[in-house]
Amino acid sequence: MTGHIEDFGHWVADLAAFWREWTAGREGPFVLAGHSMGGHLVLRAVAEGALRPDALVLSAPMLGLLPDWLPPNVQRAASGLMCRIGERCRPAWKWSEKPGELPVGRAALLTHDADRYADELWWRQRRPELVMGPGSWGWVAAAVDSIALLGRRGMLESVDIPVLTLAASEDRLVSFPAIRRAAARLPRCEFIVFGPEAFHELLRECDPVRDRALEAIDLFLDRALA
């Protein structure tokens, strides 16, 4: 169940190929949306020129790893060291005391809504082939490299399409300060912040948070695609 990749570029290329096939013969406008690591990937794909939607929606995009206080060069050195001293595909963090079971307290990282979290558990039981556990050390190293790529001067500044970025200031899975810095660099970005009422999964949160997020997306698309 370990999530492993050697280079996020594989996923970017995969997305670009799917985008070309899916948009071929269809009339726009076209909108691309991504959450967490998906948000990172769609933003990188646009920044690299692999595809060009008419608007972009990012939900809690993974633009920096935790802990925030650890400098990116130290993160890179640490993940590289762990890849050299052991198997790159081994888990980078502990999953659970009992194999196959979710770690205690995981829900508190994701959502305040117990029913929506329970829905995920239902799908895990119904479709066990889709279950994904912790990332590998190879994934961590690839993530650090991909984040550094987006951090290069001119990368985010080249994204000249309308972008909506939603983020939770109390996010405990991705770096909120990194999201805030990236939003400031995007030329046409609207940035909406949720406070302690929201965790990482903004679109699986309690109704007040989820409704606000969906309304923000609707209003943004009305403006961006008018």
C-alpha atoms as a PDB file:
ATOM      1  CA  MET A   1       0.000   0.000   0.000  1.00  0.00           C
ATOM      2  CA  THR A   2       3.041   2.283  -0.043  1.00  0.00           C
ATOM      3  CA  GLY A   3       2.827   5.167  -2.508  1.00  0.00           C
ATOM      4  CA  HIS A   4       6.016   5.262  -4.574  1.00  0.00           C
ATOM      5  CA  ILE A   5       7.270   7.329  -7.512  1.00  0.00           C
ATOM      6  CA  GLU A   6      10.753   8.175  -8.734  1.00  0.00           C
ATOM      7  CA  ASP A   7       9.867  11.423 -10.495  1.00  0.00           C
ATOM      8  CA  PHE A   8       6.677  13.513 -10.376  1.00  0.00           C
ATOM      9  CA  GLY A   9       7.334  14.243 -14.044  1.00  0.00           C
ATOM     10  CA  HIS A  10       5.784  10.847 -14.859  1.00  0.00           C
ATOM     11  CA  TRP A  11       2.470  12.016 -13.409  1.00  0.00           C
ATOM     12  CA  VAL A  12       2.684  15.377 -15.172  1.00  0.00           C
ATOM     13  CA  ALA A  13       3.223  13.612 -18.498  1.00  0.00           C
ATOM     14  CA  ASP A  14       0.320  11.271 -17.727  1.00  0.00           C
ATOM     15  CA  LEU A  15      -1.960  14.213 -16.977  1.00  0.00           C
ATOM     16  CA  ALA A  16      -0.888  16.049 -20.125  1.00  0.00           C
ATOM     17  CA  ALA A  17      -1.636  12.993 -22.279  1.00  0.00           C
ATOM     18  CA  PHE A  18      -5.051  12.551 -20.675  1.00  0.00           C
ATOM     19  CA  TRP A  19      -5.781  16.273 -21.099  1.00  0.00           C
ATOM     20  CA  ARG A  20      -4.968  16.189 -24.807  1.00  0.00           C
ATOM     21  CA  GLU A  21      -7.230  13.195 -25.365  1.00  0.00           C
ATOM     22  CA  TRP A  22     -10.068  14.504 -23.217  1.00  0.00           C
ATOM     23  CA  THR A  23     -10.169  18.014 -24.706  1.00  0.00           C
ATOM     24  CA  ALA A  24      -9.809  16.864 -28.315  1.00  0.00           C
ATOM     25  CA  GLY A  25     -13.016  17.592 -30.208  1.00  0.00           C
ATOM     26  CA  ARG A  26     -14.721  19.192 -27.193  1.00  0.00           C
ATOM     27  CA  GLU A  27     -15.730  22.807 -26.838  1.00  0.00           C
ATOM     28  CA  GLY A  28     -14.411  24.796 -23.862  1.00  0.00           C
ATOM     29  CA  PRO A  29     -14.033  26.472 -21.569  1.00  0.00           C
ATOM     30  CA  PHE A  30     -11.873  23.916 -19.784  1.00  0.00           C
ATOM     31  CA  VAL A  31     -11.136  23.986 -16.059  1.00  0.00           C
ATOM     32  CA  LEU A  32      -8.541  21.942 -14.233  1.00  0.00           C
ATOM     33  CA  ALA A  33      -8.849  21.307 -10.487  1.00  0.00           C
ATOM     34  CA  GLY A  34      -6.564  19.498  -8.082  1.00  0.00           C
ATOM     35  CA  HIS A  35      -6.407  18.758  -4.369  1.00  0.00           C
ATOM     36  CA  SER A  36      -3.288  18.291  -2.225  1.00  0.00           C
ATOM     37  CA  MET A  37      -0.668  16.397  -4.277  1.00  0.00           C
ATOM     38  CA  GLY A  38      -3.063  16.675  -7.213  1.00  0.00           C
ATOM     39  CA  GLY A  39      -3.030  20.435  -6.757  1.00  0.00           C
ATOM     40  CA  HIS A  40       0.746  20.390  -6.953  1.00  0.00           C
ATOM     41  CA  LEU A  41       0.674  18.314 -10.123  1.00  0.00           C
ATOM     42  CA  VAL A  42      -1.881  20.408 -12.019  1.00  0.00           C
ATOM     43  CA  LEU A  43      -0.067  23.623 -11.086  1.00  0.00           C
ATOM     44  CA  ARG A  44       3.260  22.179 -12.201  1.00  0.00           C
ATOM     45  CA  ALA A  45       1.736  20.958 -15.471  1.00  0.00           C
ATOM     46  CA  VAL A  46       0.473  24.457 -16.239  1.00  0.00           C
ATOM     47  CA  ALA A  47       3.703  26.144 -15.095  1.00  0.00           C
ATOM     48  CA  GLU A  48       5.740  23.865 -17.361  1.00  0.00           C
ATOM     49  CA  GLY A  49       3.445  24.513 -20.319  1.00  0.00           C
ATOM     50  CA  ALA A  50       2.378  20.865 -20.555  1.00  0.00           C
ATOM     51  CA  LEU A  51      -1.251  21.993 -20.823  1.00  0.00           C
ATOM     52  CA  ARG A  52      -3.275  25.188 -20.670  1.00  0.00           C
ATOM     53  CA  PRO A  53      -6.776  25.232 -19.173  1.00  0.00           C
ATOM     54  CA  ASP A  54      -8.930  28.348 -19.066  1.00  0.00           C
ATOM     55  CA  ALA A  55      -8.888  28.392 -15.261  1.00  0.00           C
ATOM     56  CA  LEU A  56      -7.296  26.478 -12.407  1.00  0.00           C
ATOM     57  CA  VAL A  57      -8.715  25.536  -8.983  1.00  0.00           C
ATOM     58  CA  LEU A  58      -6.331  24.415  -6.240  1.00  0.00           C
ATOM     59  CA  SER A  59      -7.558  22.918  -2.972  1.00  0.00           C
ATOM     60  CA  ALA A  60      -4.916  22.729  -0.219  1.00  0.00           C
ATOM     61  CA  PRO A  61      -2.165  22.186  -2.813  1.00  0.00           C
ATOM     62  CA  MET A  62       0.999  20.424  -1.671  1.00  0.00           C
ATOM     63  CA  LEU A  63       3.506  23.214  -2.279  1.00  0.00           C
ATOM     64  CA  GLY A  64       5.633  22.573   0.794  1.00  0.00           C
ATOM     65  CA  LEU A  65       6.224  19.641   3.120  1.00  0.00           C
ATOM     66  CA  LEU A  66       5.976  19.609   6.886  1.00  0.00           C
ATOM     67  CA  PRO A  67       7.624  20.433   9.211  1.00  0.00           C
ATOM     68  CA  ASP A  68       7.763  24.040   8.003  1.00  0.00           C
ATOM     69  CA  TRP A  69      10.819  24.845  10.114  1.00  0.00           C
ATOM     70  CA  LEU A  70      12.978  22.332   8.237  1.00  0.00           C
ATOM     71  CA  PRO A  71      14.677  24.172   5.316  1.00  0.00           C
ATOM     72  CA  PRO A  72      14.111  22.675   1.839  1.00  0.00           C
ATOM     73  CA  ASN A  73      17.829  21.921   1.400  1.00  0.00           C
ATOM     74  CA  VAL A  74      17.772  19.924   4.638  1.00  0.00           C
ATOM     75  CA  GLN A  75      14.636  18.083   3.497  1.00  0.00           C
ATOM     76  CA  ARG A  76      16.400  17.237   0.252  1.00  0.00           C
ATOM     77  CA  ALA A  77      19.539  16.046   2.012  1.00  0.00           C
ATOM     78  CA  ALA A  78      17.585  13.964   4.534  1.00  0.00           C
ATOM     79  CA  SER A  79      15.379  12.263   1.944  1.00  0.00           C
ATOM     80  CA  GLY A  80      18.390  11.601  -0.270  1.00  0.00           C
ATOM     81  CA  LEU A  81      20.243  10.029   2.640  1.00  0.00           C
ATOM     82  CA  MET A  82      17.290   7.788   3.506  1.00  0.00           C
ATOM     83  CA  CYS A  83      17.091   6.656  -0.126  1.00  0.00           C
ATOM     84  CA  ARG A  84      20.791   5.754  -0.117  1.00  0.00           C
ATOM     85  CA  ILE A  85      20.830   3.782   3.123  1.00  0.00           C
ATOM     86  CA  GLY A  86      17.790   1.621   2.349  1.00  0.00           C
ATOM     87  CA  GLU A  87      15.166   0.670  -0.189  1.00  0.00           C
ATOM     88  CA  ARG A  88      13.711   3.766  -1.873  1.00  0.00           C
ATOM     89  CA  CYS A  89      10.278   2.137  -1.953  1.00  0.00           C
ATOM     90  CA  ARG A  90      10.047   1.517   1.810  1.00  0.00           C
ATOM     91  CA  PRO A  91       7.498   3.598   3.768  1.00  0.00           C
ATOM     92  CA  ALA A  92       8.741   6.977   4.947  1.00  0.00           C
ATOM     93  CA  TRP A  93       6.414   7.079   7.953  1.00  0.00           C
ATOM     94  CA  LYS A  94       4.495   4.663  10.122  1.00  0.00           C
ATOM     95  CA  TRP A  95       1.060   3.614   8.940  1.00  0.00           C
ATOM     96  CA  SER A  96      -0.586   1.735  11.803  1.00  0.00           C
ATOM     97  CA  GLU A  97       0.126  -0.635  14.635  1.00  0.00           C
ATOM     98  CA  LYS A  98      -2.093  -3.181  12.878  1.00  0.00           C
ATOM     99  CA  PRO A  99      -1.352  -3.920   9.208  1.00  0.00           C
ATOM    100  CA  GLY A 100      -4.082  -2.676   6.915  1.00  0.00           C
ATOM    101  CA  GLU A 101      -5.796  -0.521   9.532  1.00  0.00           C
ATOM    102  CA  LEU A 102      -5.840   3.258   9.478  1.00  0.00           C
ATOM    103  CA  PRO A 103      -3.709   5.032  12.094  1.00  0.00           C
ATOM    104  CA  VAL A 104      -5.477   6.353  15.177  1.00  0.00           C
ATOM    105  CA  GLY A 105      -6.128  10.085  14.939  1.00  0.00           C
ATOM    106  CA  ARG A 106      -5.969  10.239  11.126  1.00  0.00           C
ATOM    107  CA  ALA A 107      -9.426  11.813  10.901  1.00  0.00           C
ATOM    108  CA  ALA A 108      -8.219  14.801  12.927  1.00  0.00           C
ATOM    109  CA  LEU A 109      -5.777  15.597  10.117  1.00  0.00           C
ATOM    110  CA  LEU A 110      -8.419  15.571   7.412  1.00  0.00           C
ATOM    111  CA  THR A 111     -11.914  16.704   8.376  1.00  0.00           C
ATOM    112  CA  HIS A 112     -14.231  17.619  11.243  1.00  0.00           C
ATOM    113  CA  ASP A 113     -17.061  15.709   9.527  1.00  0.00           C
ATOM    114  CA  ALA A 114     -17.290  12.179  10.939  1.00  0.00           C
ATOM    115  CA  ASP A 115     -19.797  11.010   8.319  1.00  0.00           C
ATOM    116  CA  ARG A 116     -17.642  12.070   5.367  1.00  0.00           C
ATOM    117  CA  TYR A 117     -14.607  10.425   6.926  1.00  0.00           C
ATOM    118  CA  ALA A 118     -16.661   7.258   7.471  1.00  0.00           C
ATOM    119  CA  ASP A 119     -17.575   7.329   3.783  1.00  0.00           C
ATOM    120  CA  GLU A 120     -13.876   7.006   2.931  1.00  0.00           C
ATOM    121  CA  LEU A 121     -13.611   4.014   5.260  1.00  0.00           C
ATOM    122  CA  TRP A 122     -16.622   2.431   3.510  1.00  0.00           C
ATOM    123  CA  TRP A 123     -14.935   2.792   0.119  1.00  0.00           C
ATOM    124  CA  ARG A 124     -11.679   1.361   1.476  1.00  0.00           C
ATOM    125  CA  GLN A 125     -13.545  -1.746   2.544  1.00  0.00           C
ATOM    126  CA  ARG A 126     -15.583  -1.931  -0.647  1.00  0.00           C
ATOM    127  CA  ARG A 127     -12.623  -1.360  -3.025  1.00  0.00           C
ATOM    128  CA  PRO A 128      -9.479  -2.554  -1.184  1.00  0.00           C
ATOM    129  CA  GLU A 129      -7.455  -2.381  -4.414  1.00  0.00           C
ATOM    130  CA  LEU A 130      -7.665   1.426  -4.205  1.00  0.00           C
ATOM    131  CA  VAL A 131      -6.255   1.687  -0.680  1.00  0.00           C
ATOM    132  CA  MET A 132      -3.108   3.794  -0.416  1.00  0.00           C
ATOM    133  CA  GLY A 133      -0.903   4.020   2.653  1.00  0.00           C
ATOM    134  CA  PRO A 134       2.154   6.135   3.443  1.00  0.00           C
ATOM    135  CA  GLY A 135       4.508   7.522   0.834  1.00  0.00           C
ATOM    136  CA  SER A 136       7.915   5.971   0.251  1.00  0.00           C
ATOM    137  CA  TRP A 137      11.259   7.673   0.803  1.00  0.00           C
ATOM    138  CA  GLY A 138      11.530   7.783  -2.981  1.00  0.00           C
ATOM    139  CA  TRP A 139       8.213   9.642  -3.074  1.00  0.00           C
ATOM    140  CA  VAL A 140       9.497  12.116  -0.468  1.00  0.00           C
ATOM    141  CA  ALA A 141      12.667  12.748  -2.486  1.00  0.00           C
ATOM    142  CA  ALA A 142      10.643  13.207  -5.679  1.00  0.00           C
ATOM    143  CA  ALA A 143       8.224  15.559  -3.892  1.00  0.00           C
ATOM    144  CA  VAL A 144      11.069  17.713  -2.566  1.00  0.00           C
ATOM    145  CA  ASP A 145      12.567  17.937  -6.060  1.00  0.00           C
ATOM    146  CA  SER A 146       9.226  18.824  -7.660  1.00  0.00           C
ATOM    147  CA  ILE A 147       8.497  21.489  -5.052  1.00  0.00           C
ATOM    148  CA  ALA A 148      11.945  22.970  -5.696  1.00  0.00           C
ATOM    149  CA  LEU A 149      11.197  23.048  -9.422  1.00  0.00           C
ATOM    150  CA  LEU A 150       8.040  25.095  -8.820  1.00  0.00           C
ATOM    151  CA  GLY A 151      10.029  27.360  -6.554  1.00  0.00           C
ATOM    152  CA  ARG A 152      12.379  28.433  -9.347  1.00  0.00           C
ATOM    153  CA  ARG A 153      12.223  32.059 -10.347  1.00  0.00           C
ATOM    154  CA  GLY A 154       9.689  32.636 -13.089  1.00  0.00           C
ATOM    155  CA  MET A 155       7.873  29.299 -12.809  1.00  0.00           C
ATOM    156  CA  LEU A 156       4.780  30.421 -10.913  1.00  0.00           C
ATOM    157  CA  GLU A 157       4.989  33.884 -12.401  1.00  0.00           C
ATOM    158  CA  SER A 158       4.454  32.346 -15.850  1.00  0.00           C
ATOM    159  CA  VAL A 159       1.008  30.999 -14.891  1.00  0.00           C
ATOM    160  CA  ASP A 160      -1.060  33.786 -16.453  1.00  0.00           C
ATOM    161  CA  ILE A 161      -4.485  32.128 -16.261  1.00  0.00           C
ATOM    162  CA  PRO A 162      -7.048  32.739 -13.479  1.00  0.00           C
ATOM    163  CA  VAL A 163      -6.271  30.611 -10.414  1.00  0.00           C
ATOM    164  CA  LEU A 164      -8.346  30.046  -7.277  1.00  0.00           C
ATOM    165  CA  THR A 165      -6.403  28.706  -4.296  1.00  0.00           C
ATOM    166  CA  LEU A 166      -8.208  27.424  -1.206  1.00  0.00           C
ATOM    167  CA  ALA A 167      -6.198  26.659   1.922  1.00  0.00           C
ATOM    168  CA  ALA A 168      -6.609  25.951   5.634  1.00  0.00           C
ATOM    169  CA  SER A 169      -4.357  27.862   7.998  1.00  0.00           C
ATOM    170  CA  GLU A 170      -4.430  24.908  10.427  1.00  0.00           C
ATOM    171  CA  ASP A 171      -3.506  22.321   7.778  1.00  0.00           C
ATOM    172  CA  ARG A 172      -1.386  19.587   9.350  1.00  0.00           C
ATOM    173  CA  LEU A 173      -0.570  17.692   6.156  1.00  0.00           C
ATOM    174  CA  VAL A 174       0.842  20.363   3.830  1.00  0.00           C
ATOM    175  CA  SER A 175       2.563  23.671   4.481  1.00  0.00           C
ATOM    176  CA  PHE A 176       0.148  26.600   4.666  1.00  0.00           C
ATOM    177  CA  PRO A 177       2.958  29.214   4.574  1.00  0.00           C
ATOM    178  CA  ALA A 178       4.223  27.638   1.335  1.00  0.00           C
ATOM    179  CA  ILE A 179       0.745  27.870  -0.197  1.00  0.00           C
ATOM    180  CA  ARG A 180       0.486  31.515   0.850  1.00  0.00           C
ATOM    181  CA  ARG A 181       3.859  32.348  -0.695  1.00  0.00           C
ATOM    182  CA  ALA A 182       2.948  30.581  -3.948  1.00  0.00           C
ATOM    183  CA  ALA A 183      -0.412  32.361  -4.155  1.00  0.00           C
ATOM    184  CA  ALA A 184       1.384  35.704  -3.889  1.00  0.00           C
ATOM    185  CA  ARG A 185       3.584  34.772  -6.858  1.00  0.00           C
ATOM    186  CA  LEU A 186       0.740  33.731  -9.163  1.00  0.00           C
ATOM    187  CA  PRO A 187      -0.210  36.777 -11.278  1.00  0.00           C
ATOM    188  CA  ARG A 188      -3.971  36.140 -11.367  1.00  0.00           C
ATOM    189  CA  CYS A 189      -4.598  34.240  -8.158  1.00  0.00           C
ATOM    190  CA  GLU A 190      -7.555  34.601  -5.799  1.00  0.00           C
ATOM    191  CA  PHE A 191      -6.583  33.262  -2.369  1.00  0.00           C
ATOM    192  CA  ILE A 192      -9.179  32.132   0.173  1.00  0.00           C
ATOM    193  CA  VAL A 193      -8.127  31.039   3.653  1.00  0.00           C
ATOM    194  CA  PHE A 194     -10.072  28.936   6.137  1.00  0.00           C
ATOM    195  CA  GLY A 195      -9.250  29.045   9.843  1.00  0.00           C
ATOM    196  CA  PRO A 196      -9.398  26.427  12.628  1.00  0.00           C
ATOM    197  CA  GLU A 197     -12.848  25.361  11.448  1.00  0.00           C
ATOM    198  CA  ALA A 198     -11.179  23.483   8.582  1.00  0.00           C
ATOM    199  CA  PHE A 199      -8.617  20.749   8.177  1.00  0.00           C
ATOM    200  CA  HIS A 200      -6.900  19.531   5.008  1.00  0.00           C
ATOM    201  CA  GLU A 201      -9.890  18.045   3.148  1.00  0.00           C
ATOM    202  CA  LEU A 202     -11.817  21.254   2.493  1.00  0.00           C
ATOM    203  CA  LEU A 203     -14.335  19.586   0.173  1.00  0.00           C
ATOM    204  CA  ARG A 204     -14.989  16.808   2.678  1.00  0.00           C
ATOM    205  CA  GLU A 205     -15.424  19.142   5.625  1.00  0.00           C
ATOM    206  CA  CYS A 206     -18.561  19.990   7.601  1.00  0.00           C
ATOM    207  CA  ASP A 207     -21.228  21.750   5.569  1.00  0.00           C
ATOM    208  CA  PRO A 208     -20.388  25.351   6.591  1.00  0.00           C
ATOM    209  CA  VAL A 209     -16.811  24.933   5.341  1.00  0.00           C
ATOM    210  CA  ARG A 210     -17.668  22.811   2.328  1.00  0.00           C
ATOM    211  CA  ASP A 211     -20.508  25.099   1.242  1.00  0.00           C
ATOM    212  CA  ARG A 212     -18.250  28.153   1.510  1.00  0.00           C
ATOM    213  CA  ALA A 213     -15.577  26.412  -0.572  1.00  0.00           C
ATOM    214  CA  LEU A 214     -18.055  25.329  -3.251  1.00  0.00           C
ATOM    215  CA  GLU A 215     -19.616  28.777  -3.396  1.00  0.00           C
ATOM    216  CA  ALA A 216     -16.163  30.332  -3.785  1.00  0.00           C
ATOM    217  CA  ILE A 217     -15.411  27.961  -6.666  1.00  0.00           C
ATOM    218  CA  ASP A 218     -18.746  28.739  -8.366  1.00  0.00           C
ATOM    219  CA  LEU A 219     -18.273  32.491  -8.084  1.00  0.00           C
ATOM    220  CA  PHE A 220     -14.664  32.279  -9.239  1.00  0.00           C
ATOM    221  CA  LEU A 221     -15.590  30.296 -12.338  1.00  0.00           C
ATOM    222  CA  ASP A 222     -18.420  32.709 -13.124  1.00  0.00           C
ATOM    223  CA  ARG A 223     -15.909  35.556 -13.125  1.00  0.00           C
ATOM    224  CA  ALA A 224     -13.002  33.723 -14.760  1.00  0.00           C
ATOM    225  CA  LEU A 225     -14.994  32.226 -17.606  1.00  0.00           C
ATOM    226  CA  ALA A 226     -17.352  35.108 -18.314  1.00  0.00           C
END
